Amino acid sequence: MSMEQVEKIVKKINEDAEAEASKILNEARTQAEKIKRDANVEADEIYSEILPKYEREAEQEKQRIVANAKLRARKAVLDAREDVIKLAFNAAGTKLQKLPKKDYTKVLEKLILEGVEAIDADTVVIARKEDSRAITSALLKRVSEKTGFKVTKAREYINVMGGVVLRSSDGKIEVNNTFETRLERFRDELRKEVAEVLFS
């Protein structure tokens, strides 16, 4: 499988997550609008009933009800945002874990290449024990040839969902390219995107 196909797999994961996110966000926004509408109706009814005798109190009560409704609506939207993020995060993690062996090896190579380029020096690759065989001498040689740096495999292992940690040979620089870390970056980006949609 080519690197282009690997990119398509990652792109498909993001597209699926975004589609599900849009669906949940639309439902949340509809619910939030209903809460605000209902609160305004309730506030107006109370206002009309007590206006003759308690005009000032009526206005304060109306403002309180509307303010509470806005808080409930905002909470509903924020809850929906977290649901979207959790759903997208879990879906992406599941799909990454279920990648066919060939595709997963290509992903590992891509993560290693990115890490070595970021470190910009001779690099040691630390992976899961079960991924050790996939990171072959040939794979490391290809990365070395592309970057011009010596790339070796560590004897230690990491306990993660997938991916690798890379460390410069002198131990001064470390790049975490595990699935968990990559997904956390995706989670942060998604949280910003969702916030922009909700509060723009």
C-alpha atoms as a PDB file:
ATOM      1  CA  MET A   1       0.000   0.000   0.000  1.00  0.00           C
ATOM      2  CA  SER A   2       1.356   3.428  -0.969  1.00  0.00           C
ATOM      3  CA  MET A   3       1.766   6.375   1.363  1.00  0.00           C
ATOM      4  CA  GLU A   4      -1.031   8.055  -0.608  1.00  0.00           C
ATOM      5  CA  GLN A   5      -3.392   5.209   0.314  1.00  0.00           C
ATOM      6  CA  VAL A   6      -2.382   5.525   3.961  1.00  0.00           C
ATOM      7  CA  GLU A   7      -3.190   9.223   3.812  1.00  0.00           C
ATOM      8  CA  LYS A   8      -6.605   8.328   2.333  1.00  0.00           C
ATOM      9  CA  ILE A   9      -7.292   6.014   5.281  1.00  0.00           C
ATOM     10  CA  VAL A  10      -6.464   8.782   7.771  1.00  0.00           C
ATOM     11  CA  LYS A  11      -8.545  11.247   5.735  1.00  0.00           C
ATOM     12  CA  LYS A  12     -11.520   8.821   5.753  1.00  0.00           C
ATOM     13  CA  ILE A  13     -11.283   8.546   9.554  1.00  0.00           C
ATOM     14  CA  ASN A  14     -11.464  12.323   9.872  1.00  0.00           C
ATOM     15  CA  GLU A  15     -14.360  12.577   7.390  1.00  0.00           C
ATOM     16  CA  ASP A  16     -16.402   9.956   9.278  1.00  0.00           C
ATOM     17  CA  ALA A  17     -15.783  11.718  12.586  1.00  0.00           C
ATOM     18  CA  GLU A  18     -16.732  15.104  11.128  1.00  0.00           C
ATOM     19  CA  ALA A  19     -19.969  13.714   9.646  1.00  0.00           C
ATOM     20  CA  GLU A  20     -21.029  12.253  12.987  1.00  0.00           C
ATOM     21  CA  ALA A  21     -19.989  15.472  14.717  1.00  0.00           C
ATOM     22  CA  SER A  22     -22.188  17.577  12.418  1.00  0.00           C
ATOM     23  CA  LYS A  23     -25.179  15.352  13.127  1.00  0.00           C
ATOM     24  CA  ILE A  24     -24.830  15.624  16.910  1.00  0.00           C
ATOM     25  CA  LEU A  25     -24.134  19.350  16.756  1.00  0.00           C
ATOM     26  CA  ASN A  26     -27.285  20.016  14.730  1.00  0.00           C
ATOM     27  CA  GLU A  27     -29.373  18.111  17.272  1.00  0.00           C
ATOM     28  CA  ALA A  28     -27.746  20.006  20.145  1.00  0.00           C
ATOM     29  CA  ARG A  29     -28.337  23.379  18.549  1.00  0.00           C
ATOM     30  CA  THR A  30     -31.996  22.528  17.915  1.00  0.00           C
ATOM     31  CA  GLN A  31     -32.401  21.495  21.550  1.00  0.00           C
ATOM     32  CA  ALA A  32     -30.682  24.673  22.749  1.00  0.00           C
ATOM     33  CA  GLU A  33     -32.964  26.883  20.652  1.00  0.00           C
ATOM     34  CA  LYS A  34     -36.065  25.108  22.009  1.00  0.00           C
ATOM     35  CA  ILE A  35     -34.912  25.644  25.596  1.00  0.00           C
ATOM     36  CA  LYS A  36     -34.464  29.352  24.936  1.00  0.00           C
ATOM     37  CA  ARG A  37     -37.836  29.694  23.176  1.00  0.00           C
ATOM     38  CA  ASP A  38     -39.702  27.894  25.959  1.00  0.00           C
ATOM     39  CA  ALA A  39     -37.989  30.017  28.581  1.00  0.00           C
ATOM     40  CA  ASN A  40     -38.939  33.247  26.827  1.00  0.00           C
ATOM     41  CA  VAL A  41     -42.599  32.170  26.639  1.00  0.00           C
ATOM     42  CA  GLU A  42     -42.595  31.250  30.331  1.00  0.00           C
ATOM     43  CA  ALA A  43     -40.936  34.529  31.258  1.00  0.00           C
ATOM     44  CA  ASP A  44     -43.442  36.572  29.248  1.00  0.00           C
ATOM     45  CA  GLU A  45     -46.395  34.811  30.895  1.00  0.00           C
ATOM     46  CA  ILE A  46     -45.110  35.506  34.389  1.00  0.00           C
ATOM     47  CA  TYR A  47     -44.281  39.072  33.427  1.00  0.00           C
ATOM     48  CA  SER A  48     -47.836  39.722  32.216  1.00  0.00           C
ATOM     49  CA  GLU A  49     -49.436  38.240  35.337  1.00  0.00           C
ATOM     50  CA  ILE A  50     -47.565  40.225  37.949  1.00  0.00           C
ATOM     51  CA  LEU A  51     -46.827  43.426  36.008  1.00  0.00           C
ATOM     52  CA  PRO A  52     -49.626  45.578  37.512  1.00  0.00           C
ATOM     53  CA  LYS A  53     -48.449  45.114  41.078  1.00  0.00           C
ATOM     54  CA  TYR A  54     -44.821  44.117  40.821  1.00  0.00           C
ATOM     55  CA  GLU A  55     -43.376  45.652  37.681  1.00  0.00           C
ATOM     56  CA  ARG A  56     -39.793  45.787  38.921  1.00  0.00           C
ATOM     57  CA  GLU A  57     -39.914  42.292  40.402  1.00  0.00           C
ATOM     58  CA  ALA A  58     -41.462  41.006  37.193  1.00  0.00           C
ATOM     59  CA  GLU A  59     -38.577  42.331  35.100  1.00  0.00           C
ATOM     60  CA  GLN A  60     -36.042  40.798  37.462  1.00  0.00           C
ATOM     61  CA  GLU A  61     -37.867  37.469  37.389  1.00  0.00           C
ATOM     62  CA  LYS A  62     -37.987  37.553  33.613  1.00  0.00           C
ATOM     63  CA  GLN A  63     -34.263  38.235  33.409  1.00  0.00           C
ATOM     64  CA  ARG A  64     -33.549  35.434  35.872  1.00  0.00           C
ATOM     65  CA  ILE A  65     -35.593  32.912  33.892  1.00  0.00           C
ATOM     66  CA  VAL A  66     -34.036  33.912  30.587  1.00  0.00           C
ATOM     67  CA  ALA A  67     -30.530  33.845  32.103  1.00  0.00           C
ATOM     68  CA  ASN A  68     -31.132  30.373  33.528  1.00  0.00           C
ATOM     69  CA  ALA A  69     -32.464  29.197  30.182  1.00  0.00           C
ATOM     70  CA  LYS A  70     -29.376  30.507  28.428  1.00  0.00           C
ATOM     71  CA  LEU A  71     -27.186  28.676  30.926  1.00  0.00           C
ATOM     72  CA  ARG A  72     -29.110  25.440  30.349  1.00  0.00           C
ATOM     73  CA  ALA A  73     -28.886  25.902  26.598  1.00  0.00           C
ATOM     74  CA  ARG A  74     -25.162  26.571  26.768  1.00  0.00           C
ATOM     75  CA  LYS A  75     -24.654  23.513  28.969  1.00  0.00           C
ATOM     76  CA  ALA A  76     -26.614  21.382  26.490  1.00  0.00           C
ATOM     77  CA  VAL A  77     -24.393  22.596  23.681  1.00  0.00           C
ATOM     78  CA  LEU A  78     -21.197  22.050  25.679  1.00  0.00           C
ATOM     79  CA  ASP A  79     -22.331  18.540  26.619  1.00  0.00           C
ATOM     80  CA  ALA A  80     -23.032  17.839  22.957  1.00  0.00           C
ATOM     81  CA  ARG A  81     -19.589  19.123  22.042  1.00  0.00           C
ATOM     82  CA  GLU A  82     -17.926  16.724  24.453  1.00  0.00           C
ATOM     83  CA  ASP A  83     -20.086  13.873  23.118  1.00  0.00           C
ATOM     84  CA  VAL A  84     -18.948  14.707  19.595  1.00  0.00           C
ATOM     85  CA  ILE A  85     -15.307  14.802  20.601  1.00  0.00           C
ATOM     86  CA  LYS A  86     -15.535  11.536  22.540  1.00  0.00           C
ATOM     87  CA  LEU A  87     -17.321   9.817  19.669  1.00  0.00           C
ATOM     88  CA  ALA A  88     -14.832  10.998  17.060  1.00  0.00           C
ATOM     89  CA  PHE A  89     -11.879  10.129  19.302  1.00  0.00           C
ATOM     90  CA  ASN A  90     -13.130   6.600  19.983  1.00  0.00           C
ATOM     91  CA  ALA A  91     -14.049   5.986  16.334  1.00  0.00           C
ATOM     92  CA  ALA A  92     -10.634   7.101  15.130  1.00  0.00           C
ATOM     93  CA  GLY A  93      -8.859   4.976  17.738  1.00  0.00           C
ATOM     94  CA  THR A  94     -10.883   1.887  16.841  1.00  0.00           C
ATOM     95  CA  LYS A  95     -10.226   2.293  13.121  1.00  0.00           C
ATOM     96  CA  LEU A  96      -6.508   2.782  13.661  1.00  0.00           C
ATOM     97  CA  GLN A  97      -6.327  -0.365  15.789  1.00  0.00           C
ATOM     98  CA  LYS A  98      -8.170  -2.389  13.142  1.00  0.00           C
ATOM     99  CA  LEU A  99      -5.886  -1.425  10.263  1.00  0.00           C
ATOM    100  CA  PRO A 100      -4.686  -4.430   8.231  1.00  0.00           C
ATOM    101  CA  LYS A 101      -1.094  -5.440   9.001  1.00  0.00           C
ATOM    102  CA  LYS A 102       0.259  -4.062   5.710  1.00  0.00           C
ATOM    103  CA  ASP A 103      -1.451  -0.724   6.204  1.00  0.00           C
ATOM    104  CA  TYR A 104      -0.347  -0.547   9.826  1.00  0.00           C
ATOM    105  CA  THR A 105       3.286  -1.109   8.830  1.00  0.00           C
ATOM    106  CA  LYS A 106       3.000   1.781   6.364  1.00  0.00           C
ATOM    107  CA  VAL A 107       1.547   3.964   9.114  1.00  0.00           C
ATOM    108  CA  LEU A 108       4.435   3.020  11.416  1.00  0.00           C
ATOM    109  CA  GLU A 109       6.935   3.935   8.712  1.00  0.00           C
ATOM    110  CA  LYS A 110       5.225   7.290   8.189  1.00  0.00           C
ATOM    111  CA  LEU A 111       5.240   8.019  11.940  1.00  0.00           C
ATOM    112  CA  ILE A 112       8.917   7.071  12.192  1.00  0.00           C
ATOM    113  CA  LEU A 113       9.825   9.226   9.179  1.00  0.00           C
ATOM    114  CA  GLU A 114       7.966  12.231  10.613  1.00  0.00           C
ATOM    115  CA  GLY A 115       9.651  11.743  13.977  1.00  0.00           C
ATOM    116  CA  VAL A 116      13.170  11.513  12.559  1.00  0.00           C
ATOM    117  CA  GLU A 117      12.558  14.618  10.437  1.00  0.00           C
ATOM    118  CA  ALA A 118      11.363  16.469  13.547  1.00  0.00           C
ATOM    119  CA  ILE A 119      14.376  15.369  15.622  1.00  0.00           C
ATOM    120  CA  ASP A 120      16.750  16.128  12.735  1.00  0.00           C
ATOM    121  CA  ALA A 121      19.454  13.834  14.100  1.00  0.00           C
ATOM    122  CA  ASP A 122      20.336  10.159  14.537  1.00  0.00           C
ATOM    123  CA  THR A 123      17.311   8.532  16.133  1.00  0.00           C
ATOM    124  CA  VAL A 124      16.297   5.544  18.252  1.00  0.00           C
ATOM    125  CA  VAL A 125      12.793   4.127  17.677  1.00  0.00           C
ATOM    126  CA  ILE A 126      10.837   2.729  20.652  1.00  0.00           C
ATOM    127  CA  ALA A 127       7.760   0.651  19.806  1.00  0.00           C
ATOM    128  CA  ARG A 128       5.349  -1.900  21.252  1.00  0.00           C
ATOM    129  CA  LYS A 129       6.740  -5.388  21.669  1.00  0.00           C
ATOM    130  CA  GLU A 130       4.156  -6.742  19.215  1.00  0.00           C
ATOM    131  CA  ASP A 131       5.246  -4.170  16.603  1.00  0.00           C
ATOM    132  CA  SER A 132       8.937  -4.986  16.871  1.00  0.00           C
ATOM    133  CA  ARG A 133       8.872  -7.423  13.946  1.00  0.00           C
ATOM    134  CA  ALA A 134       7.039  -4.948  11.724  1.00  0.00           C
ATOM    135  CA  ILE A 135       9.837  -2.415  12.183  1.00  0.00           C
ATOM    136  CA  THR A 136      12.352  -4.254  10.046  1.00  0.00           C
ATOM    137  CA  SER A 137      15.914  -3.352   9.152  1.00  0.00           C
ATOM    138  CA  ALA A 138      14.688  -2.622   5.630  1.00  0.00           C
ATOM    139  CA  LEU A 139      12.101  -0.165   6.951  1.00  0.00           C
ATOM    140  CA  LEU A 140      14.671   1.623   9.107  1.00  0.00           C
ATOM    141  CA  LYS A 141      17.081   1.715   6.166  1.00  0.00           C
ATOM    142  CA  ARG A 142      14.461   3.384   3.966  1.00  0.00           C
ATOM    143  CA  VAL A 143      13.887   6.049   6.605  1.00  0.00           C
ATOM    144  CA  SER A 144      17.651   6.526   7.010  1.00  0.00           C
ATOM    145  CA  GLU A 145      18.082   6.977   3.268  1.00  0.00           C
ATOM    146  CA  LYS A 146      15.263   9.535   3.118  1.00  0.00           C
ATOM    147  CA  THR A 147      16.488  11.572   6.089  1.00  0.00           C
ATOM    148  CA  GLY A 148      20.235  11.078   6.011  1.00  0.00           C
ATOM    149  CA  PHE A 149      20.278  10.042   9.667  1.00  0.00           C
ATOM    150  CA  LYS A 150      21.048   6.740  11.357  1.00  0.00           C
ATOM    151  CA  VAL A 151      17.830   5.150  12.627  1.00  0.00           C
ATOM    152  CA  THR A 152      17.922   2.204  15.037  1.00  0.00           C
ATOM    153  CA  LYS A 153      15.405   0.217  17.062  1.00  0.00           C
ATOM    154  CA  ALA A 154      15.506   0.308  20.867  1.00  0.00           C
ATOM    155  CA  ARG A 155      15.537  -2.834  22.988  1.00  0.00           C
ATOM    156  CA  GLU A 156      12.973  -1.341  25.349  1.00  0.00           C
ATOM    157  CA  TYR A 157       9.240  -1.350  24.605  1.00  0.00           C
ATOM    158  CA  ILE A 158       6.274   0.937  25.231  1.00  0.00           C
ATOM    159  CA  ASN A 159       2.788  -0.037  26.357  1.00  0.00           C
ATOM    160  CA  VAL A 160       0.485   1.947  24.052  1.00  0.00           C
ATOM    161  CA  MET A 161      -2.396   1.528  21.606  1.00  0.00           C
ATOM    162  CA  GLY A 162      -0.023   1.799  18.656  1.00  0.00           C
ATOM    163  CA  GLY A 163       2.587   4.024  17.047  1.00  0.00           C
ATOM    164  CA  VAL A 164       6.087   4.857  18.250  1.00  0.00           C
ATOM    165  CA  VAL A 165       8.183   7.107  20.454  1.00  0.00           C
ATOM    166  CA  LEU A 166      11.377   8.476  18.905  1.00  0.00           C
ATOM    167  CA  ARG A 167      14.412   9.736  20.769  1.00  0.00           C
ATOM    168  CA  SER A 168      17.587  11.382  19.524  1.00  0.00           C
ATOM    169  CA  SER A 169      20.669   9.224  20.001  1.00  0.00           C
ATOM    170  CA  ASP A 170      21.965  11.615  22.658  1.00  0.00           C
ATOM    171  CA  GLY A 171      18.613  11.399  24.498  1.00  0.00           C
ATOM    172  CA  LYS A 172      18.033  15.165  24.438  1.00  0.00           C
ATOM    173  CA  ILE A 173      15.049  15.226  22.075  1.00  0.00           C
ATOM    174  CA  GLU A 174      11.958  13.017  22.153  1.00  0.00           C
ATOM    175  CA  VAL A 175       8.988  12.895  19.789  1.00  0.00           C
ATOM    176  CA  ASN A 176       5.854  11.019  20.853  1.00  0.00           C
ATOM    177  CA  ASN A 177       4.143   9.647  17.763  1.00  0.00           C
ATOM    178  CA  THR A 178       1.942   7.088  19.517  1.00  0.00           C
ATOM    179  CA  PHE A 179      -1.701   6.744  18.486  1.00  0.00           C
ATOM    180  CA  GLU A 180      -2.774   8.143  21.854  1.00  0.00           C
ATOM    181  CA  THR A 181      -0.754  11.327  21.407  1.00  0.00           C
ATOM    182  CA  ARG A 182      -1.793  11.788  17.778  1.00  0.00           C
ATOM    183  CA  LEU A 183      -5.436  11.307  18.737  1.00  0.00           C
ATOM    184  CA  GLU A 184      -5.087  13.804  21.587  1.00  0.00           C
ATOM    185  CA  ARG A 185      -3.839  16.358  19.071  1.00  0.00           C
ATOM    186  CA  PHE A 186      -6.837  15.499  16.908  1.00  0.00           C
ATOM    187  CA  ARG A 187      -9.102  15.876  19.960  1.00  0.00           C
ATOM    188  CA  ASP A 188      -7.718  19.373  20.661  1.00  0.00           C
ATOM    189  CA  GLU A 189      -8.136  20.415  17.027  1.00  0.00           C
ATOM    190  CA  LEU A 190     -11.672  19.026  16.946  1.00  0.00           C
ATOM    191  CA  ARG A 191     -12.550  20.829  20.191  1.00  0.00           C
ATOM    192  CA  LYS A 192     -11.475  24.140  18.617  1.00  0.00           C
ATOM    193  CA  GLU A 193     -13.420  23.451  15.414  1.00  0.00           C
ATOM    194  CA  VAL A 194     -16.573  22.498  17.313  1.00  0.00           C
ATOM    195  CA  ALA A 195     -16.281  25.572  19.543  1.00  0.00           C
ATOM    196  CA  GLU A 196     -16.011  27.794  16.466  1.00  0.00           C
ATOM    197  CA  VAL A 197     -19.186  26.262  15.018  1.00  0.00           C
ATOM    198  CA  LEU A 198     -21.143  26.573  18.257  1.00  0.00           C
ATOM    199  CA  PHE A 199     -20.102  30.020  19.367  1.00  0.00           C
ATOM    200  CA  SER A 200     -19.433  31.870  16.110  1.00  0.00           C
END
